[in-house]
């Protein structure tokens, strides 16, 4: 690595947050924060088309090979894993030290299905970084150690309002995709309105194939006036929605360490979430949030009703959520990255 105080970094993966309707990724957030901390940072790629993205990443690694001290590769399951394979292969051929940033709650299952492929790629890394103990404990031991570094939340942009006496105003904010079970949120509202007839639900996020079905489900249950579809939220719109709601529901059937849940907690919204994947590693039932089994609309509605009926519990979870978010703020996380970089430098030396 270079003799300077901070290594020059190349962050490689899908970096699509600059495009309208796309969420800013952890890689993009880290790139900005690393640059503010004094690192020279290359970010690749913003190309939306997968083949163009691969080409852009490979070209960047080659073009800037003399200045890259360390490559951070975002590793996803599914088709995204091929991107990590190609970029890490080239980085290794160029002699660049590698940190793999593991993403996605489906990575353990993907690693079992494609064990030999995943093992071959993972052994290229000098260090594996996971955002929670979930991935650190559920993935096989490939050789490089797994370091847990939480996902970053820009807590200064999340004004905290403690919740005590809750109104039945629910917020759901993920992607309209099968793994996020958006129709389940409609079922939760239907059951909750049996006790709280004024309950409402706002659903926000990018459509990845389930928005139409979710709208149809709300209409079929006669809830079209109780459900508002807010579309994709930019930073300002997200703040407005968090400030106007009192409970955040997370209905996923697959999950890892969702930033949206941490953001909701940072704003002070008590969280009710399905206990799947990495969620129980992030949230403790009854201490940071209320957790329910997957696909259980009745149980999730009952948990929301409990928060409404027990102001002391709502207040306690609201405060605990903010404390959780502080542990994911940059001042707490930056030192962990410094230690990771130093560890790779020592291994290379």
Protein backbone atom coordinates (compact mmCIF):
# COMPACT_ATOMS: atom_id res chain seq x y z
CA UNK A 1 0.00 0.00 0.00
CA UNK A 2 1.04 3.61 -0.42
CA UNK A 3 3.06 5.43 2.21
CA UNK A 4 0.33 8.02 2.78
CA UNK A 5 -1.69 8.08 5.97
CA UNK A 6 -4.81 6.69 4.33
CA UNK A 7 -5.02 4.14 1.49
CA UNK A 8 -6.50 4.99 -1.87
CA UNK A 9 -9.73 3.02 -2.30
CA UNK A 10 -11.75 1.66 -5.18
CA UNK A 11 -15.32 0.71 -4.28
CA UNK A 12 -16.75 -1.66 -6.88
CA UNK A 13 -20.32 -2.83 -7.27
CA UNK A 14 -23.77 -1.56 -8.30
CA UNK A 15 -23.72 2.16 -7.41
CA UNK A 16 -27.04 3.35 -8.80
CA UNK A 17 -28.21 5.92 -6.27
CA UNK A 18 -27.53 8.84 -8.60
CA UNK A 19 -30.32 7.64 -10.90
CA UNK A 20 -33.89 8.71 -10.21
CA UNK A 21 -35.86 6.09 -8.32
CA UNK A 22 -32.83 4.17 -7.03
CA UNK A 23 -31.76 3.88 -3.42
CA UNK A 24 -28.33 5.22 -2.51
CA UNK A 25 -26.30 2.12 -1.67
CA UNK A 26 -23.98 1.55 1.26
CA UNK A 27 -21.08 1.62 -1.17
CA UNK A 28 -22.00 5.13 -2.27
CA UNK A 29 -22.46 6.31 1.30
CA UNK A 30 -19.11 4.86 2.31
CA UNK A 31 -17.38 6.43 -0.69
CA UNK A 32 -18.55 9.88 0.36
CA UNK A 33 -17.59 9.33 3.99
CA UNK A 34 -14.18 7.87 3.14
CA UNK A 35 -13.46 10.87 0.90
CA UNK A 36 -14.39 13.26 3.71
CA UNK A 37 -11.99 11.32 5.93
CA UNK A 38 -9.08 11.92 3.58
CA UNK A 39 -9.03 8.84 1.37
CA UNK A 40 -8.69 9.10 -2.38
CA UNK A 41 -11.79 7.26 -3.57
CA UNK A 42 -12.84 5.77 -6.90
CA UNK A 43 -16.47 4.66 -7.21
CA UNK A 44 -17.58 2.20 -9.87
CA UNK A 45 -20.08 1.61 -11.42
CA UNK A 46 -23.14 3.76 -11.96
CA UNK A 47 -24.07 1.95 -15.17
CA UNK A 48 -27.60 0.52 -14.92
CA UNK A 49 -27.13 -2.17 -17.57
CA UNK A 50 -25.35 -5.17 -15.98
CA UNK A 51 -22.91 -5.86 -18.83
CA UNK A 52 -21.97 -2.19 -19.08
CA UNK A 53 -21.48 -2.18 -15.31
CA UNK A 54 -19.05 -5.09 -15.49
CA UNK A 55 -17.12 -3.44 -18.30
CA UNK A 56 -16.94 -0.14 -16.42
CA UNK A 57 -15.64 -1.78 -13.25
CA UNK A 58 -12.98 -3.79 -15.08
CA UNK A 59 -11.87 -0.74 -17.04
CA UNK A 60 -11.62 1.32 -13.86
CA UNK A 61 -9.50 -1.31 -12.11
CA UNK A 62 -7.09 -1.42 -15.02
CA UNK A 63 -6.96 2.31 -15.75
CA UNK A 64 -6.26 3.26 -12.12
CA UNK A 65 -4.20 0.19 -11.14
CA UNK A 66 -1.19 2.31 -10.17
CA UNK A 67 -3.10 4.39 -7.62
CA UNK A 68 -5.48 1.84 -6.07
CA UNK A 69 -4.16 0.66 -2.71
CA UNK A 70 -7.22 -1.38 -1.79
CA UNK A 71 -10.31 -2.61 -3.64
CA UNK A 72 -13.60 -2.94 -1.76
CA UNK A 73 -15.92 -5.23 -3.71
CA UNK A 74 -19.65 -5.38 -2.91
CA UNK A 75 -20.73 -9.04 -2.90
CA UNK A 76 -24.38 -9.93 -3.53
CA UNK A 77 -26.06 -13.25 -4.22
CA UNK A 78 -27.78 -14.19 -7.47
CA UNK A 79 -26.64 -12.64 -10.72
CA UNK A 80 -24.79 -9.95 -8.79
CA UNK A 81 -22.29 -12.54 -7.61
CA UNK A 82 -20.89 -12.83 -11.12
CA UNK A 83 -19.97 -9.15 -10.91
CA UNK A 84 -17.99 -9.80 -7.72
CA UNK A 85 -16.33 -12.78 -9.38
CA UNK A 86 -15.15 -10.84 -12.42
CA UNK A 87 -14.01 -7.73 -10.56
CA UNK A 88 -12.19 -9.66 -7.81
CA UNK A 89 -10.47 -11.90 -10.37
CA UNK A 90 -9.05 -8.89 -12.15
CA UNK A 91 -8.11 -7.08 -8.93
CA UNK A 92 -6.21 -10.14 -7.79
CA UNK A 93 -4.43 -10.43 -11.16
CA UNK A 94 -3.40 -6.78 -10.77
CA UNK A 95 -2.06 -7.43 -7.29
CA UNK A 96 -4.58 -5.21 -5.53
CA UNK A 97 -5.50 -6.10 -1.93
CA UNK A 98 -9.16 -7.06 -1.61
CA UNK A 99 -11.89 -6.56 0.95
CA UNK A 100 -15.24 -8.20 0.20
CA UNK A 101 -18.24 -6.33 1.61
CA UNK A 102 -20.92 -9.02 2.01
CA UNK A 103 -24.49 -7.93 1.28
CA UNK A 104 -27.93 -9.51 1.21
CA UNK A 105 -29.86 -11.88 3.44
CA UNK A 106 -29.91 -14.58 0.75
CA UNK A 107 -26.13 -14.95 0.61
CA UNK A 108 -26.02 -17.96 3.00
CA UNK A 109 -28.55 -19.91 0.93
CA UNK A 110 -26.79 -18.92 -2.29
CA UNK A 111 -23.48 -20.10 -0.83
CA UNK A 112 -24.95 -23.53 -0.13
CA UNK A 113 -26.45 -23.87 -3.59
CA UNK A 114 -23.26 -22.75 -5.35
CA UNK A 115 -20.72 -23.87 -2.75
CA UNK A 116 -17.71 -24.51 -4.99
CA UNK A 117 -18.12 -21.33 -7.01
CA UNK A 118 -18.62 -19.14 -3.94
CA UNK A 119 -15.70 -20.72 -2.07
CA UNK A 120 -13.37 -20.17 -5.03
CA UNK A 121 -14.27 -16.50 -5.23
CA UNK A 122 -14.27 -15.83 -1.49
CA UNK A 123 -10.76 -17.19 -1.04
CA UNK A 124 -9.44 -14.31 -3.14
CA UNK A 125 -10.24 -11.79 -0.41
CA UNK A 126 -7.77 -10.58 2.16
CA UNK A 127 -10.67 -9.74 4.46
CA UNK A 128 -14.42 -10.34 4.52
CA UNK A 129 -16.62 -7.62 6.03
CA UNK A 130 -20.23 -8.31 7.02
CA UNK A 131 -22.71 -5.78 8.42
CA UNK A 132 -23.97 -8.15 11.13
CA UNK A 133 -23.16 -11.30 13.05
CA UNK A 134 -25.80 -13.04 10.95
CA UNK A 135 -23.61 -13.34 7.89
CA UNK A 136 -20.51 -13.83 10.02
CA UNK A 137 -22.04 -16.91 11.67
CA UNK A 138 -24.14 -18.36 8.84
CA UNK A 139 -21.52 -18.36 6.08
CA UNK A 140 -18.93 -21.15 5.73
CA UNK A 141 -15.35 -20.65 6.88
CA UNK A 142 -13.58 -19.92 3.60
CA UNK A 143 -10.26 -18.86 5.08
CA UNK A 144 -10.24 -15.06 5.35
CA UNK A 145 -11.62 -13.84 8.67
CA UNK A 146 -15.04 -12.18 8.79
CA UNK A 147 -15.08 -8.75 10.42
CA UNK A 148 -18.41 -7.23 11.49
CA UNK A 149 -18.76 -3.54 10.57
CA UNK A 150 -22.33 -2.19 10.79
CA UNK A 151 -24.10 -0.48 7.92
CA UNK A 152 -23.80 3.28 8.23
CA UNK A 153 -26.74 5.57 8.95
CA UNK A 154 -26.29 9.33 8.63
CA UNK A 155 -27.88 10.00 11.97
CA UNK A 156 -27.54 13.77 11.67
CA UNK A 157 -30.16 13.59 8.90
CA UNK A 158 -32.56 11.63 11.13
CA UNK A 159 -34.15 14.05 13.62
CA UNK A 160 -35.37 12.07 16.60
CA UNK A 161 -38.90 12.40 17.97
CA UNK A 162 -39.69 10.08 20.89
CA UNK A 163 -42.94 8.16 20.49
CA UNK A 164 -45.12 7.43 23.48
CA UNK A 165 -48.86 7.67 22.83
CA UNK A 166 -49.01 6.24 19.32
CA UNK A 167 -51.55 6.87 16.61
CA UNK A 168 -52.19 3.91 14.26
CA UNK A 169 -50.20 5.47 11.42
CA UNK A 170 -48.06 2.74 9.87
CA UNK A 171 -45.13 3.18 7.50
CA UNK A 172 -43.71 0.49 5.19
CA UNK A 173 -40.66 1.45 3.15
CA UNK A 174 -38.86 -1.22 1.14
CA UNK A 175 -38.93 -2.38 -2.49
CA UNK A 176 -42.09 -3.80 -4.07
CA UNK A 177 -40.55 -7.21 -4.64
CA UNK A 178 -41.54 -10.71 -3.59
CA UNK A 179 -38.88 -11.05 -0.88
CA UNK A 180 -40.24 -7.95 0.89
CA UNK A 181 -43.81 -9.31 1.03
CA UNK A 182 -45.61 -5.98 0.43
CA UNK A 183 -49.07 -7.61 0.33
CA UNK A 184 -48.50 -8.76 3.90
CA UNK A 185 -48.47 -5.12 5.00
CA UNK A 186 -51.98 -4.74 3.56
CA UNK A 187 -53.12 -7.79 5.55
CA UNK A 188 -51.61 -6.32 8.71
CA UNK A 189 -53.61 -3.13 8.20
CA UNK A 190 -56.80 -5.12 7.61
CA UNK A 191 -56.42 -6.96 10.91
CA UNK A 192 -55.39 -3.82 12.80
CA UNK A 193 -58.47 -1.93 11.61
CA UNK A 194 -60.66 -4.48 13.37
CA UNK A 195 -59.50 -2.78 16.60
CA UNK A 196 -58.48 0.62 15.28
CA UNK A 197 -60.82 1.63 12.50
CA UNK A 198 -58.82 4.79 11.77
CA UNK A 199 -55.55 2.95 11.12
CA UNK A 200 -53.69 3.97 7.95
CA UNK A 201 -50.69 2.68 6.04
CA UNK A 202 -48.20 4.46 3.81
CA UNK A 203 -46.14 2.29 1.48
CA UNK A 204 -43.08 3.72 -0.26
CA UNK A 205 -40.33 2.32 -2.43
CA UNK A 206 -39.21 1.29 -5.88
CA UNK A 207 -41.42 -1.06 -7.88
CA UNK A 208 -39.70 -4.34 -8.75
CA UNK A 209 -42.79 -6.19 -9.90
CA UNK A 210 -45.23 -6.25 -6.94
CA UNK A 211 -46.66 -2.72 -6.82
CA UNK A 212 -49.61 -3.52 -9.07
CA UNK A 213 -50.47 -6.67 -7.11
CA UNK A 214 -50.21 -4.76 -3.83
CA UNK A 215 -52.55 -2.02 -5.06
CA UNK A 216 -55.00 -4.68 -6.24
CA UNK A 217 -54.85 -6.44 -2.89
CA UNK A 218 -55.65 -3.22 -1.03
CA UNK A 219 -58.63 -2.62 -3.32
CA UNK A 220 -59.86 -6.19 -2.93
CA UNK A 221 -59.91 -5.74 0.85
CA UNK A 222 -61.66 -2.37 0.59
CA UNK A 223 -58.62 -0.52 1.92
CA UNK A 224 -57.77 1.70 -1.03
CA UNK A 225 -58.65 4.83 1.00
CA UNK A 226 -56.63 3.68 4.00
CA UNK A 227 -53.44 2.93 2.04
CA UNK A 228 -51.32 5.61 0.42
CA UNK A 229 -48.66 4.68 -2.12
CA UNK A 230 -46.00 7.37 -1.83
CA UNK A 231 -43.65 6.19 -4.58
CA UNK A 232 -39.89 6.35 -4.30
CA UNK A 233 -38.71 8.74 -1.57
CA UNK A 234 -35.70 11.01 -1.82
CA UNK A 235 -33.94 12.15 1.34
CA UNK A 236 -36.29 15.09 2.03
CA UNK A 237 -39.44 13.09 1.34
CA UNK A 238 -38.17 10.28 3.55
CA UNK A 239 -37.75 12.69 6.46
CA UNK A 240 -41.29 13.95 5.99
CA UNK A 241 -42.76 10.45 5.97
CA UNK A 242 -40.85 9.33 9.04
CA UNK A 243 -41.98 12.44 10.91
CA UNK A 244 -45.67 11.82 10.05
CA UNK A 245 -45.85 8.18 11.16
CA UNK A 246 -45.67 6.36 14.46
CA UNK A 247 -44.91 2.69 13.68
CA UNK A 248 -42.59 1.11 11.12
CA UNK A 249 -43.41 -2.38 9.88
CA UNK A 250 -40.92 -4.66 8.13
CA UNK A 251 -42.58 -7.64 6.44
CA UNK A 252 -39.65 -9.37 4.71
CA UNK A 253 -39.25 -13.10 4.29
CA UNK A 254 -35.50 -12.67 3.58
CA UNK A 255 -33.39 -9.97 5.20
CA UNK A 256 -29.93 -9.08 6.44
CA UNK A 257 -29.28 -5.68 8.07
CA UNK A 258 -31.79 -3.31 6.46
CA UNK A 259 -30.78 0.34 6.57
CA UNK A 260 -34.43 1.41 6.31
CA UNK A 261 -35.16 -0.28 9.64
CA UNK A 262 -32.19 1.42 11.30
CA UNK A 263 -33.28 4.76 9.84
CA UNK A 264 -36.80 4.27 11.20
CA UNK A 265 -35.34 3.55 14.62
CA UNK A 266 -33.14 6.65 14.34
CA UNK A 267 -36.23 8.80 13.78
CA UNK A 268 -37.83 7.27 16.88
CA UNK A 269 -40.42 5.00 15.25
CA UNK A 270 -40.96 1.74 17.15
CA UNK A 271 -40.32 -1.15 14.77
CA UNK A 272 -42.35 -4.32 14.27
CA UNK A 273 -40.48 -6.79 12.06
CA UNK A 274 -40.48 -10.38 10.93
CA UNK A 275 -37.81 -12.43 12.71
CA UNK A 276 -36.03 -13.61 9.55
CA UNK A 277 -32.40 -13.74 8.46
CA UNK A 278 -30.29 -11.10 10.15
CA UNK A 279 -33.17 -9.26 11.83
CA UNK A 280 -32.84 -11.10 15.20
CA UNK A 281 -29.12 -10.26 15.11
CA UNK A 282 -29.95 -6.58 14.65
CA UNK A 283 -33.06 -6.22 16.81
CA UNK A 284 -33.81 -7.84 20.18
CA UNK A 285 -37.45 -8.70 20.68
CA UNK A 286 -38.96 -6.58 23.43
CA UNK A 287 -35.80 -4.49 23.81
CA UNK A 288 -35.16 -2.76 20.48
CA UNK A 289 -38.32 -3.78 18.59
CA UNK A 290 -41.13 -6.32 18.51
CA UNK A 291 -40.43 -9.39 16.36
CA UNK A 292 -43.00 -11.76 14.90
CA UNK A 293 -42.84 -14.90 12.72
CA UNK A 294 -42.66 -14.50 8.94
CA UNK A 295 -45.95 -14.37 6.98
CA UNK A 296 -47.98 -13.82 10.18
CA UNK A 297 -50.20 -10.80 9.56
CA UNK A 298 -52.31 -11.46 12.66
CA UNK A 299 -49.22 -11.55 14.89
CA UNK A 300 -47.82 -8.37 13.38
CA UNK A 301 -51.15 -6.54 13.77
CA UNK A 302 -51.32 -7.70 17.38
CA UNK A 303 -47.81 -6.36 18.01
CA UNK A 304 -48.76 -2.97 16.57
CA UNK A 305 -51.92 -2.94 18.69
CA UNK A 306 -49.81 -3.71 21.74
CA UNK A 307 -47.59 -0.69 21.06
CA UNK A 308 -50.67 1.51 20.81
CA UNK A 309 -52.10 0.12 24.04
CA UNK A 310 -48.84 0.33 26.01
CA UNK A 311 -47.30 3.82 25.82
CA UNK A 312 -44.47 2.86 28.20
CA UNK A 313 -43.40 0.04 25.88
CA UNK A 314 -43.58 2.31 22.84
CA UNK A 315 -41.45 4.94 24.59
CA UNK A 316 -38.87 2.36 25.64
CA UNK A 317 -38.55 0.92 22.14
CA UNK A 318 -38.38 4.41 20.66
CA UNK A 319 -35.44 5.35 22.87
CA UNK A 320 -33.73 1.98 22.35
CA UNK A 321 -34.06 2.36 18.59
CA UNK A 322 -32.27 5.69 18.66
CA UNK A 323 -29.48 4.11 20.71
CA UNK A 324 -29.21 1.34 18.12
CA UNK A 325 -28.90 3.90 15.35
CA UNK A 326 -26.13 5.72 17.21
CA UNK A 327 -24.09 2.51 17.12
CA UNK A 328 -24.43 2.61 13.32
CA UNK A 329 -23.45 6.28 12.98
CA UNK A 330 -20.22 7.18 11.23
CA UNK A 331 -18.26 8.24 14.34
CA UNK A 332 -18.74 4.73 15.74
CA UNK A 333 -18.15 2.90 12.45
CA UNK A 334 -15.20 4.85 11.02
CA UNK A 335 -12.74 3.43 13.53
CA UNK A 336 -13.76 -0.10 12.60
CA UNK A 337 -12.91 0.59 8.98
CA UNK A 338 -9.55 2.08 10.00
CA UNK A 339 -8.80 -1.12 11.88
CA UNK A 340 -9.85 -3.23 8.89
CA UNK A 341 -7.54 -1.30 6.55
CA UNK A 342 -4.68 -1.63 9.03
CA UNK A 343 -5.33 -5.36 9.30
CA UNK A 344 -5.09 -5.85 5.54
CA UNK A 345 -1.91 -3.74 5.42
CA UNK A 346 -0.36 -5.89 8.15
CA UNK A 347 -1.35 -9.11 6.38
CA UNK A 348 0.17 -7.83 3.14
CA UNK A 349 3.35 -6.71 4.87
